[in-house]
Amino acid sequence: MGYELDSNDFTFDFGCTDANWGEMERDFMLSDDIEACVMFKAEGWRHVDRGDYYQPPEEHGEITLSITHAIFYNKDGEQVAEHDAPWPSCYDKQNTIKIKY
């Protein structure tokens, strides 16, 4: 089971330049056979330049993931640790990941 996140996991509604995907959950396989169930809030923005005759269209933006809760399990499925970072106080560098595209 391993899972990675990138900008393709998040889609903006047509014509929208910002989005809030709310709370999400994903399972990740970490090193040493540790599995993590991670809950996070996701929000982002994008800029769309339609381009012109000389410049092609361009889109760029940033998606911010703020971890709110994580539970860690060993290879036998036993819980070995838990981390809680209630919103919005979790909006800091230790619990936040930014994906640029």
PDB file of N, CA and C in Angstrom:
ATOM      1  N   MET A   1       0.852  -1.149   0.000  1.00  0.00           N
ATOM      2  CA  MET A   1       0.000   0.000   0.000  1.00  0.00           C
ATOM      3  C   MET A   1       0.907   1.223   0.000  1.00  0.00           C
ATOM      4  N   GLY A   2       1.334   1.951  -0.323  1.00  0.00           N
ATOM      5  CA  GLY A   2       2.016   3.212  -0.290  1.00  0.00           C
ATOM      6  C   GLY A   2       1.277   4.202  -1.142  1.00  0.00           C
ATOM      7  N   TYR A   3       1.330   5.360  -0.747  1.00  0.00           N
ATOM      8  CA  TYR A   3       0.578   6.376  -1.473  1.00  0.00           C
ATOM      9  C   TYR A   3       1.377   7.660  -1.451  1.00  0.00           C
ATOM     10  N   GLU A   4       1.407   8.333  -2.561  1.00  0.00           N
ATOM     11  CA  GLU A   4       2.044   9.645  -2.628  1.00  0.00           C
ATOM     12  C   GLU A   4       1.005  10.646  -3.129  1.00  0.00           C
ATOM     13  N   LEU A   5       1.172  11.879  -2.712  1.00  0.00           N
ATOM     14  CA  LEU A   5       0.274  12.937  -3.159  1.00  0.00           C
ATOM     15  C   LEU A   5       1.015  13.876  -4.101  1.00  0.00           C
ATOM     16  N   ASP A   6       0.324  14.349  -5.124  1.00  0.00           N
ATOM     17  CA  ASP A   6       0.861  15.413  -5.968  1.00  0.00           C
ATOM     18  C   ASP A   6      -0.316  16.251  -6.464  1.00  0.00           C
ATOM     19  N   SER A   7      -0.033  17.221  -7.286  1.00  0.00           N
ATOM     20  CA  SER A   7      -1.083  18.145  -7.715  1.00  0.00           C
ATOM     21  C   SER A   7      -2.198  17.442  -8.488  1.00  0.00           C
ATOM     22  N   ASN A   8      -1.929  16.279  -9.066  1.00  0.00           N
ATOM     23  CA  ASN A   8      -2.959  15.551  -9.809  1.00  0.00           C
ATOM     24  C   ASN A   8      -4.048  14.981  -8.899  1.00  0.00           C
ATOM     25  N   ASP A   9      -3.807  14.923  -7.592  1.00  0.00           N
ATOM     26  CA  ASP A   9      -4.812  14.432  -6.648  1.00  0.00           C
ATOM     27  C   ASP A   9      -5.872  15.487  -6.330  1.00  0.00           C
ATOM     28  N   PHE A  10      -5.683  16.704  -6.798  1.00  0.00           N
ATOM     29  CA  PHE A  10      -6.582  17.805  -6.480  1.00  0.00           C
ATOM     30  C   PHE A  10      -6.991  18.500  -7.775  1.00  0.00           C
ATOM     31  N   THR A  11      -8.281  18.691  -7.963  1.00  0.00           N
ATOM     32  CA  THR A  11      -8.757  19.365  -9.168  1.00  0.00           C
ATOM     33  C   THR A  11      -9.581  20.591  -8.794  1.00  0.00           C
ATOM     34  N   PHE A  12      -9.391  21.630  -9.547  1.00  0.00           N
ATOM     35  CA  PHE A  12     -10.138  22.872  -9.378  1.00  0.00           C
ATOM     36  C   PHE A  12     -11.388  22.815 -10.249  1.00  0.00           C
ATOM     37  N   ASP A  13     -12.483  23.361  -9.765  1.00  0.00           N
ATOM     38  CA  ASP A  13     -13.677  23.480 -10.598  1.00  0.00           C
ATOM     39  C   ASP A  13     -13.366  24.404 -11.765  1.00  0.00           C
ATOM     40  N   PHE A  14     -14.045  24.184 -12.879  1.00  0.00           N
ATOM     41  CA  PHE A  14     -13.804  24.975 -14.079  1.00  0.00           C
ATOM     42  C   PHE A  14     -13.982  26.469 -13.787  1.00  0.00           C
ATOM     43  N   GLY A  15     -12.979  27.249 -14.129  1.00  0.00           N
ATOM     44  CA  GLY A  15     -13.037  28.695 -13.956  1.00  0.00           C
ATOM     45  C   GLY A  15     -12.675  29.196 -12.566  1.00  0.00           C
ATOM     46  N   CYS A  16     -12.486  28.292 -11.600  1.00  0.00           N
ATOM     47  CA  CYS A  16     -12.154  28.714 -10.225  1.00  0.00           C
ATOM     48  C   CYS A  16     -10.647  28.882 -10.068  1.00  0.00           C
ATOM     49  N   THR A  17     -10.264  29.890  -9.310  1.00  0.00           N
ATOM     50  CA  THR A  17      -8.842  30.122  -9.063  1.00  0.00           C
ATOM     51  C   THR A  17      -8.419  29.747  -7.651  1.00  0.00           C
ATOM     52  N   ASP A  18      -9.373  29.378  -6.802  1.00  0.00           N
ATOM     53  CA  ASP A  18      -9.028  28.877  -5.478  1.00  0.00           C
ATOM     54  C   ASP A  18      -9.992  27.750  -5.120  1.00  0.00           C
ATOM     55  N   ALA A  19      -9.561  26.894  -4.184  1.00  0.00           N
ATOM     56  CA  ALA A  19     -10.388  25.754  -3.811  1.00  0.00           C
ATOM     57  C   ALA A  19     -10.090  25.359  -2.378  1.00  0.00           C
ATOM     58  N   ASN A  20     -11.087  24.792  -1.737  1.00  0.00           N
ATOM     59  CA  ASN A  20     -10.948  24.229  -0.409  1.00  0.00           C
ATOM     60  C   ASN A  20     -11.563  22.838  -0.479  1.00  0.00           C
ATOM     61  N   TRP A  21     -10.717  21.818  -0.372  1.00  0.00           N
ATOM     62  CA  TRP A  21     -11.185  20.448  -0.485  1.00  0.00           C
ATOM     63  C   TRP A  21     -11.628  19.879   0.864  1.00  0.00           C
ATOM     64  N   GLY A  22     -11.513  20.677   1.926  1.00  0.00           N
ATOM     65  CA  GLY A  22     -11.948  20.215   3.243  1.00  0.00           C
ATOM     66  C   GLY A  22     -11.018  19.158   3.808  1.00  0.00           C
ATOM     67  N   GLU A  23     -11.535  18.370   4.726  1.00  0.00           N
ATOM     68  CA  GLU A  23     -10.715  17.338   5.373  1.00  0.00           C
ATOM     69  C   GLU A  23     -10.680  16.082   4.508  1.00  0.00           C
ATOM     70  N   MET A  24      -9.495  15.526   4.347  1.00  0.00           N
ATOM     71  CA  MET A  24      -9.277  14.333   3.542  1.00  0.00           C
ATOM     72  C   MET A  24      -8.493  13.336   4.372  1.00  0.00           C
ATOM     73  N   GLU A  25      -8.421  12.106   3.908  1.00  0.00           N
ATOM     74  CA  GLU A  25      -7.689  11.056   4.622  1.00  0.00           C
ATOM     75  C   GLU A  25      -6.984  10.166   3.611  1.00  0.00           C
ATOM     76  N   ARG A  26      -5.740   9.820   3.903  1.00  0.00           N
ATOM     77  CA  ARG A  26      -4.968   8.908   3.057  1.00  0.00           C
ATOM     78  C   ARG A  26      -4.125   7.997   3.952  1.00  0.00           C
ATOM     79  N   ASP A  27      -3.863   6.789   3.462  1.00  0.00           N
ATOM     80  CA  ASP A  27      -2.978   5.851   4.144  1.00  0.00           C
ATOM     81  C   ASP A  27      -1.635   5.854   3.424  1.00  0.00           C
ATOM     82  N   PHE A  28      -0.558   5.859   4.203  1.00  0.00           N
ATOM     83  CA  PHE A  28       0.796   5.880   3.662  1.00  0.00           C
ATOM     84  C   PHE A  28       1.618   4.770   4.293  1.00  0.00           C
ATOM     85  N   MET A  29       2.499   4.145   3.513  1.00  0.00           N
ATOM     86  CA  MET A  29       3.444   3.183   4.036  1.00  0.00           C
ATOM     87  C   MET A  29       4.759   3.921   4.255  1.00  0.00           C
ATOM     88  N   LEU A  30       5.231   3.931   5.504  1.00  0.00           N
ATOM     89  CA  LEU A  30       6.470   4.614   5.858  1.00  0.00           C
ATOM     90  C   LEU A  30       7.592   3.594   5.979  1.00  0.00           C
ATOM     91  N   SER A  31       8.783   4.040   6.315  1.00  0.00           N
ATOM     92  CA  SER A  31       9.904   3.121   6.488  1.00  0.00           C
ATOM     93  C   SER A  31       9.688   2.253   7.725  1.00  0.00           C
ATOM     94  N   ASP A  32      10.453   1.195   7.856  1.00  0.00           N
ATOM     95  CA  ASP A  32      10.394   0.263   8.992  1.00  0.00           C
ATOM     96  C   ASP A  32       9.021  -0.378   9.145  1.00  0.00           C
ATOM     97  N   ASP A  33       8.328  -0.617   8.040  1.00  0.00           N
ATOM     98  CA  ASP A  33       7.013  -1.275   8.042  1.00  0.00           C
ATOM     99  C   ASP A  33       5.977  -0.565   8.909  1.00  0.00           C
ATOM    100  N   ILE A  34       6.046   0.747   8.952  1.00  0.00           N
ATOM    101  CA  ILE A  34       5.066   1.535   9.696  1.00  0.00           C
ATOM    102  C   ILE A  34       4.054   2.101   8.693  1.00  0.00           C
ATOM    103  N   GLU A  35       2.798   1.929   8.999  1.00  0.00           N
ATOM    104  CA  GLU A  35       1.725   2.471   8.171  1.00  0.00           C
ATOM    105  C   GLU A  35       1.107   3.651   8.899  1.00  0.00           C
ATOM    106  N   ALA A  36       0.789   4.709   8.175  1.00  0.00           N
ATOM    107  CA  ALA A  36       0.198   5.902   8.777  1.00  0.00           C
ATOM    108  C   ALA A  36      -1.132   6.206   8.109  1.00  0.00           C
ATOM    109  N   CYS A  37      -2.138   6.441   8.918  1.00  0.00           N
ATOM    110  CA  CYS A  37      -3.427   6.935   8.449  1.00  0.00           C
ATOM    111  C   CYS A  37      -3.431   8.426   8.780  1.00  0.00           C
ATOM    112  N   VAL A  38      -3.392   9.274   7.756  1.00  0.00           N
ATOM    113  CA  VAL A  38      -3.195  10.710   7.945  1.00  0.00           C
ATOM    114  C   VAL A  38      -4.443  11.470   7.498  1.00  0.00           C
ATOM    115  N   MET A  39      -4.962  12.319   8.395  1.00  0.00           N
ATOM    116  CA  MET A  39      -6.067  13.203   8.074  1.00  0.00           C
ATOM    117  C   MET A  39      -5.493  14.611   7.880  1.00  0.00           C
ATOM    118  N   PHE A  40      -5.963  15.318   6.871  1.00  0.00           N
ATOM    119  CA  PHE A  40      -5.427  16.645   6.592  1.00  0.00           C
ATOM    120  C   PHE A  40      -6.487  17.498   5.926  1.00  0.00           C
ATOM    121  N   LYS A  41      -6.298  18.806   6.013  1.00  0.00           N
ATOM    122  CA  LYS A  41      -7.140  19.759   5.296  1.00  0.00           C
ATOM    123  C   LYS A  41      -6.351  20.225   4.074  1.00  0.00           C
ATOM    124  N   ALA A  42      -7.034  20.422   2.977  1.00  0.00           N
ATOM    125  CA  ALA A  42      -6.369  20.812   1.737  1.00  0.00           C
ATOM    126  C   ALA A  42      -7.058  22.037   1.142  1.00  0.00           C
ATOM    127  N   GLU A  43      -6.238  23.010   0.779  1.00  0.00           N
ATOM    128  CA  GLU A  43      -6.745  24.199   0.090  1.00  0.00           C
ATOM    129  C   GLU A  43      -5.683  24.680  -0.880  1.00  0.00           C
ATOM    130  N   GLY A  44      -6.078  25.420  -1.899  1.00  0.00           N
ATOM    131  CA  GLY A  44      -5.097  25.847  -2.877  1.00  0.00           C
ATOM    132  C   GLY A  44      -5.583  26.995  -3.741  1.00  0.00           C
ATOM    133  N   TRP A  45      -4.665  27.477  -4.549  1.00  0.00           N
ATOM    134  CA  TRP A  45      -4.951  28.548  -5.495  1.00  0.00           C
ATOM    135  C   TRP A  45      -4.226  28.233  -6.787  1.00  0.00           C
ATOM    136  N   ARG A  46      -4.680  28.853  -7.864  1.00  0.00           N
ATOM    137  CA  ARG A  46      -4.001  28.713  -9.149  1.00  0.00           C
ATOM    138  C   ARG A  46      -4.159  30.003  -9.943  1.00  0.00           C
ATOM    139  N   HIS A  47      -3.238  30.193 -10.841  1.00  0.00           N
ATOM    140  CA  HIS A  47      -3.285  31.326 -11.766  1.00  0.00           C
ATOM    141  C   HIS A  47      -3.270  30.745 -13.174  1.00  0.00           C
ATOM    142  N   VAL A  48      -4.200  31.175 -13.979  1.00  0.00           N
ATOM    143  CA  VAL A  48      -4.286  30.699 -15.358  1.00  0.00           C
ATOM    144  C   VAL A  48      -4.056  31.876 -16.285  1.00  0.00           C
ATOM    145  N   ASP A  49      -2.995  31.777 -17.085  1.00  0.00           N
ATOM    146  CA  ASP A  49      -2.698  32.778 -18.108  1.00  0.00           C
ATOM    147  C   ASP A  49      -3.098  32.158 -19.446  1.00  0.00           C
ATOM    148  N   ARG A  50      -4.086  32.735 -20.094  1.00  0.00           N
ATOM    149  CA  ARG A  50      -4.597  32.152 -21.335  1.00  0.00           C
ATOM    150  C   ARG A  50      -3.628  32.262 -22.503  1.00  0.00           C
ATOM    151  N   GLY A  51      -2.591  33.050 -22.343  1.00  0.00           N
ATOM    152  CA  GLY A  51      -1.620  33.183 -23.416  1.00  0.00           C
ATOM    153  C   GLY A  51      -2.113  34.069 -24.541  1.00  0.00           C
ATOM    154  N   ASP A  52      -1.291  34.193 -25.546  1.00  0.00           N
ATOM    155  CA  ASP A  52      -1.650  34.971 -26.730  1.00  0.00           C
ATOM    156  C   ASP A  52      -0.932  34.362 -27.931  1.00  0.00           C
ATOM    157  N   TYR A  53      -0.853  35.128 -29.003  1.00  0.00           N
ATOM    158  CA  TYR A  53      -0.225  34.628 -30.232  1.00  0.00           C
ATOM    159  C   TYR A  53       1.240  34.240 -30.008  1.00  0.00           C
ATOM    160  N   TYR A  54       1.932  34.950 -29.105  1.00  0.00           N
ATOM    161  CA  TYR A  54       3.365  34.734 -28.887  1.00  0.00           C
ATOM    162  C   TYR A  54       3.666  33.838 -27.683  1.00  0.00           C
ATOM    163  N   GLN A  55       2.778  33.780 -26.723  1.00  0.00           N
ATOM    164  CA  GLN A  55       3.004  33.010 -25.496  1.00  0.00           C
ATOM    165  C   GLN A  55       1.947  31.914 -25.364  1.00  0.00           C
ATOM    166  N   PRO A  56       2.362  30.687 -25.081  1.00  0.00           N
ATOM    167  CA  PRO A  56       1.378  29.614 -24.889  1.00  0.00           C
ATOM    168  C   PRO A  56       0.658  29.783 -23.544  1.00  0.00           C
ATOM    169  N   PRO A  57      -0.497  29.157 -23.374  1.00  0.00           N
ATOM    170  CA  PRO A  57      -1.190  29.222 -22.086  1.00  0.00           C
ATOM    171  C   PRO A  57      -0.325  28.630 -20.973  1.00  0.00           C
ATOM    172  N   GLU A  58      -0.501  29.148 -19.768  1.00  0.00           N
ATOM    173  CA  GLU A  58       0.292  28.669 -18.631  1.00  0.00           C
ATOM    174  C   GLU A  58      -0.601  28.642 -17.392  1.00  0.00           C
ATOM    175  N   GLU A  59      -0.408  27.635 -16.585  1.00  0.00           N
ATOM    176  CA  GLU A  59      -1.125  27.521 -15.320  1.00  0.00           C
ATOM    177  C   GLU A  59      -0.124  27.163 -14.234  1.00  0.00           C
ATOM    178  N   HIS A  60      -0.213  27.823 -13.100  1.00  0.00           N
ATOM    179  CA  HIS A  60       0.615  27.466 -11.955  1.00  0.00           C
ATOM    180  C   HIS A  60      -0.163  27.777 -10.683  1.00  0.00           C
ATOM    181  N   GLY A  61       0.271  27.207  -9.604  1.00  0.00           N
ATOM    182  CA  GLY A  61      -0.430  27.425  -8.341  1.00  0.00           C
ATOM    183  C   GLY A  61       0.243  26.703  -7.201  1.00  0.00           C
ATOM    184  N   GLU A  62      -0.486  26.617  -6.091  1.00  0.00           N
ATOM    185  CA  GLU A  62       0.061  25.997  -4.892  1.00  0.00           C
ATOM    186  C   GLU A  62      -1.083  25.359  -4.105  1.00  0.00           C
ATOM    187  N   ILE A  63      -0.845  24.169  -3.603  1.00  0.00           N
ATOM    188  CA  ILE A  63      -1.815  23.465  -2.780  1.00  0.00           C
ATOM    189  C   ILE A  63      -1.183  23.255  -1.411  1.00  0.00           C
ATOM    190  N   THR A  64      -1.887  23.642  -0.360  1.00  0.00           N
ATOM    191  CA  THR A  64      -1.386  23.516   1.001  1.00  0.00           C
ATOM    192  C   THR A  64      -2.147  22.407   1.717  1.00  0.00           C
ATOM    193  N   LEU A  65      -1.397  21.464   2.271  1.00  0.00           N
ATOM    194  CA  LEU A  65      -1.961  20.371   3.051  1.00  0.00           C
ATOM    195  C   LEU A  65      -1.554  20.578   4.498  1.00  0.00           C
ATOM    196  N   SER A  66      -2.519  20.653   5.389  1.00  0.00           N
ATOM    197  CA  SER A  66      -2.241  20.843   6.811  1.00  0.00           C
ATOM    198  C   SER A  66      -2.722  19.607   7.561  1.00  0.00           C
ATOM    199  N   ILE A  67      -1.776  18.866   8.117  1.00  0.00           N
ATOM    200  CA  ILE A  67      -2.102  17.636   8.834  1.00  0.00           C
ATOM    201  C   ILE A  67      -2.864  17.981  10.108  1.00  0.00           C
ATOM    202  N   THR A  68      -3.983  17.295  10.324  1.00  0.00           N
ATOM    203  CA  THR A  68      -4.783  17.519  11.526  1.00  0.00           C
ATOM    204  C   THR A  68      -4.708  16.340  12.487  1.00  0.00           C
ATOM    205  N   HIS A  69      -4.480  15.133  11.954  1.00  0.00           N
ATOM    206  CA  HIS A  69      -4.433  13.959  12.820  1.00  0.00           C
ATOM    207  C   HIS A  69      -3.709  12.835  12.083  1.00  0.00           C
ATOM    208  N   ALA A  70      -2.922  12.056  12.792  1.00  0.00           N
ATOM    209  CA  ALA A  70      -2.246  10.907  12.189  1.00  0.00           C
ATOM    210  C   ALA A  70      -2.184   9.769  13.200  1.00  0.00           C
ATOM    211  N   ILE A  71      -2.440   8.561  12.722  1.00  0.00           N
ATOM    212  CA  ILE A  71      -2.345   7.361  13.550  1.00  0.00           C
ATOM    213  C   ILE A  71      -1.345   6.432  12.873  1.00  0.00           C
ATOM    214  N   PHE A  72      -0.413   5.883  13.652  1.00  0.00           N
ATOM    215  CA  PHE A  72       0.652   5.041  13.125  1.00  0.00           C
ATOM    216  C   PHE A  72       0.475   3.610  13.615  1.00  0.00           C
ATOM    217  N   TYR A  73       0.656   2.647  12.692  1.00  0.00           N
ATOM    218  CA  TYR A  73       0.481   1.231  12.997  1.00  0.00           C
ATOM    219  C   TYR A  73       1.738   0.464  12.612  1.00  0.00           C
ATOM    220  N   ASN A  74       2.058  -0.599  13.373  1.00  0.00           N
ATOM    221  CA  ASN A  74       3.192  -1.445  13.009  1.00  0.00           C
ATOM    222  C   ASN A  74       2.736  -2.490  11.993  1.00  0.00           C
ATOM    223  N   LYS A  75       3.640  -3.377  11.588  1.00  0.00           N
ATOM    224  CA  LYS A  75       3.312  -4.346  10.533  1.00  0.00           C
ATOM    225  C   LYS A  75       2.250  -5.348  10.962  1.00  0.00           C
ATOM    226  N   ASP A  76       2.010  -5.481  12.281  1.00  0.00           N
ATOM    227  CA  ASP A  76       0.972  -6.377  12.781  1.00  0.00           C
ATOM    228  C   ASP A  76      -0.383  -5.678  12.903  1.00  0.00           C
ATOM    229  N   GLY A  77      -0.448  -4.393  12.523  1.00  0.00           N
ATOM    230  CA  GLY A  77      -1.685  -3.640  12.581  1.00  0.00           C
ATOM    231  C   GLY A  77      -1.997  -3.050  13.942  1.00  0.00           C
ATOM    232  N   GLU A  78      -1.031  -3.104  14.858  1.00  0.00           N
ATOM    233  CA  GLU A  78      -1.228  -2.528  16.187  1.00  0.00           C
ATOM    234  C   GLU A  78      -0.861  -1.049  16.170  1.00  0.00           C
ATOM    235  N   GLN A  79      -1.676  -0.223  16.816  1.00  0.00           N
ATOM    236  CA  GLN A  79      -1.387   1.207  16.886  1.00  0.00           C
ATOM    237  C   GLN A  79      -0.168   1.434  17.764  1.00  0.00           C
ATOM    238  N   VAL A  80       0.814   2.184  17.234  1.00  0.00           N
ATOM    239  CA  VAL A  80       2.040   2.438  17.984  1.00  0.00           C
ATOM    240  C   VAL A  80       2.202   3.910  18.363  1.00  0.00           C
ATOM    241  N   ALA A  81       1.493   4.801  17.696  1.00  0.00           N
ATOM    242  CA  ALA A  81       1.587   6.234  18.021  1.00  0.00           C
ATOM    243  C   ALA A  81       0.409   6.968  17.401  1.00  0.00           C
ATOM    244  N   GLU A  82       0.198   8.184  17.908  1.00  0.00           N
ATOM    245  CA  GLU A  82      -0.880   9.017  17.399  1.00  0.00           C
ATOM    246  C   GLU A  82      -0.453  10.473  17.542  1.00  0.00           C
ATOM    247  N   HIS A  83      -0.817  11.275  16.559  1.00  0.00           N
ATOM    248  CA  HIS A  83      -0.483  12.698  16.582  1.00  0.00           C
ATOM    249  C   HIS A  83      -1.750  13.488  16.288  1.00  0.00           C
ATOM    250  N   ASP A  84      -2.056  14.461  17.128  1.00  0.00           N
ATOM    251  CA  ASP A  84      -3.243  15.285  16.945  1.00  0.00           C
ATOM    252  C   ASP A  84      -2.811  16.744  16.833  1.00  0.00           C
ATOM    253  N   ALA A  85      -3.254  17.423  15.797  1.00  0.00           N
ATOM    254  CA  ALA A  85      -2.932  18.834  15.587  1.00  0.00           C
ATOM    255  C   ALA A  85      -4.207  19.541  15.173  1.00  0.00           C
ATOM    256  N   PRO A  86      -5.050  19.938  16.124  1.00  0.00           N
ATOM    257  CA  PRO A  86      -6.357  20.515  15.790  1.00  0.00           C
ATOM    258  C   PRO A  86      -6.247  21.752  14.913  1.00  0.00           C
ATOM    259  N   TRP A  87      -7.194  21.898  14.022  1.00  0.00           N
ATOM    260  CA  TRP A  87      -7.294  23.045  13.133  1.00  0.00           C
ATOM    261  C   TRP A  87      -7.805  24.231  13.919  1.00  0.00           C
ATOM    262  N   PRO A  88      -7.383  25.460  13.752  1.00  0.00           N
ATOM    263  CA  PRO A  88      -6.398  25.923  12.770  1.00  0.00           C
ATOM    264  C   PRO A  88      -4.992  26.046  13.327  1.00  0.00           C
ATOM    265  N   SER A  89      -4.769  25.671  14.567  1.00  0.00           N
ATOM    266  CA  SER A  89      -3.435  25.848  15.148  1.00  0.00           C
ATOM    267  C   SER A  89      -2.384  24.991  14.463  1.00  0.00           C
ATOM    268  N   CYS A  90      -2.808  24.024  13.643  1.00  0.00           N
ATOM    269  CA  CYS A  90      -1.836  23.168  12.961  1.00  0.00           C
ATOM    270  C   CYS A  90      -1.235  23.842  11.734  1.00  0.00           C
ATOM    271  N   TYR A  91      -1.687  25.054  11.412  1.00  0.00           N
ATOM    272  CA  TYR A  91      -1.208  25.719  10.211  1.00  0.00           C
ATOM    273  C   TYR A  91       0.194  26.284  10.450  1.00  0.00           C
ATOM    274  N   ASP A  92       1.157  25.408  10.653  1.00  0.00           N
ATOM    275  CA  ASP A  92       2.544  25.827  10.834  1.00  0.00           C
ATOM    276  C   ASP A  92       3.454  24.911  10.019  1.00  0.00           C
ATOM    277  N   LYS A  93       4.735  25.199  10.007  1.00  0.00           N
ATOM    278  CA  LYS A  93       5.664  24.480   9.146  1.00  0.00           C
ATOM    279  C   LYS A  93       5.827  23.015   9.524  1.00  0.00           C
ATOM    280  N   GLN A  94       5.609  22.649  10.778  1.00  0.00           N
ATOM    281  CA  GLN A  94       5.775  21.258  11.178  1.00  0.00           C
ATOM    282  C   GLN A  94       4.659  20.369  10.646  1.00  0.00           C
ATOM    283  N   ASN A  95       3.475  20.904  10.467  1.00  0.00           N
ATOM    284  CA  ASN A  95       2.339  20.088  10.037  1.00  0.00           C
ATOM    285  C   ASN A  95       1.815  20.467   8.663  1.00  0.00           C
ATOM    286  N   THR A  96       2.557  21.280   7.911  1.00  0.00           N
ATOM    287  CA  THR A  96       2.075  21.776   6.628  1.00  0.00           C
ATOM    288  C   THR A  96       3.010  21.371   5.497  1.00  0.00           C
ATOM    289  N   ILE A  97       2.409  20.921   4.400  1.00  0.00           N
ATOM    290  CA  ILE A  97       3.154  20.540   3.196  1.00  0.00           C
ATOM    291  C   ILE A  97       2.589  21.384   2.051  1.00  0.00           C
ATOM    292  N   LYS A  98       3.462  21.940   1.218  1.00  0.00           N
ATOM    293  CA  LYS A  98       3.016  22.714   0.065  1.00  0.00           C
ATOM    294  C   LYS A  98       3.418  21.974  -1.208  1.00  0.00           C
ATOM    295  N   ILE A  99       2.469  21.867  -2.133  1.00  0.00           N
ATOM    296  CA  ILE A  99       2.723  21.278  -3.438  1.00  0.00           C
ATOM    297  C   ILE A  99       2.593  22.381  -4.467  1.00  0.00           C
ATOM    298  N   LYS A 100       3.676  22.662  -5.194  1.00  0.00           N
ATOM    299  CA  LYS A 100       3.641  23.675  -6.239  1.00  0.00           C
ATOM    300  C   LYS A 100       3.557  22.977  -7.593  1.00  0.00           C
ATOM    301  N   TYR A 101       2.829  23.605  -8.496  1.00  0.00           N
ATOM    302  CA  TYR A 101       2.750  23.039  -9.855  1.00  0.00           C
ATOM    303  C   TYR A 101       2.743  24.136 -10.870  1.00  0.00           C
TER     304      TYR A 101
END
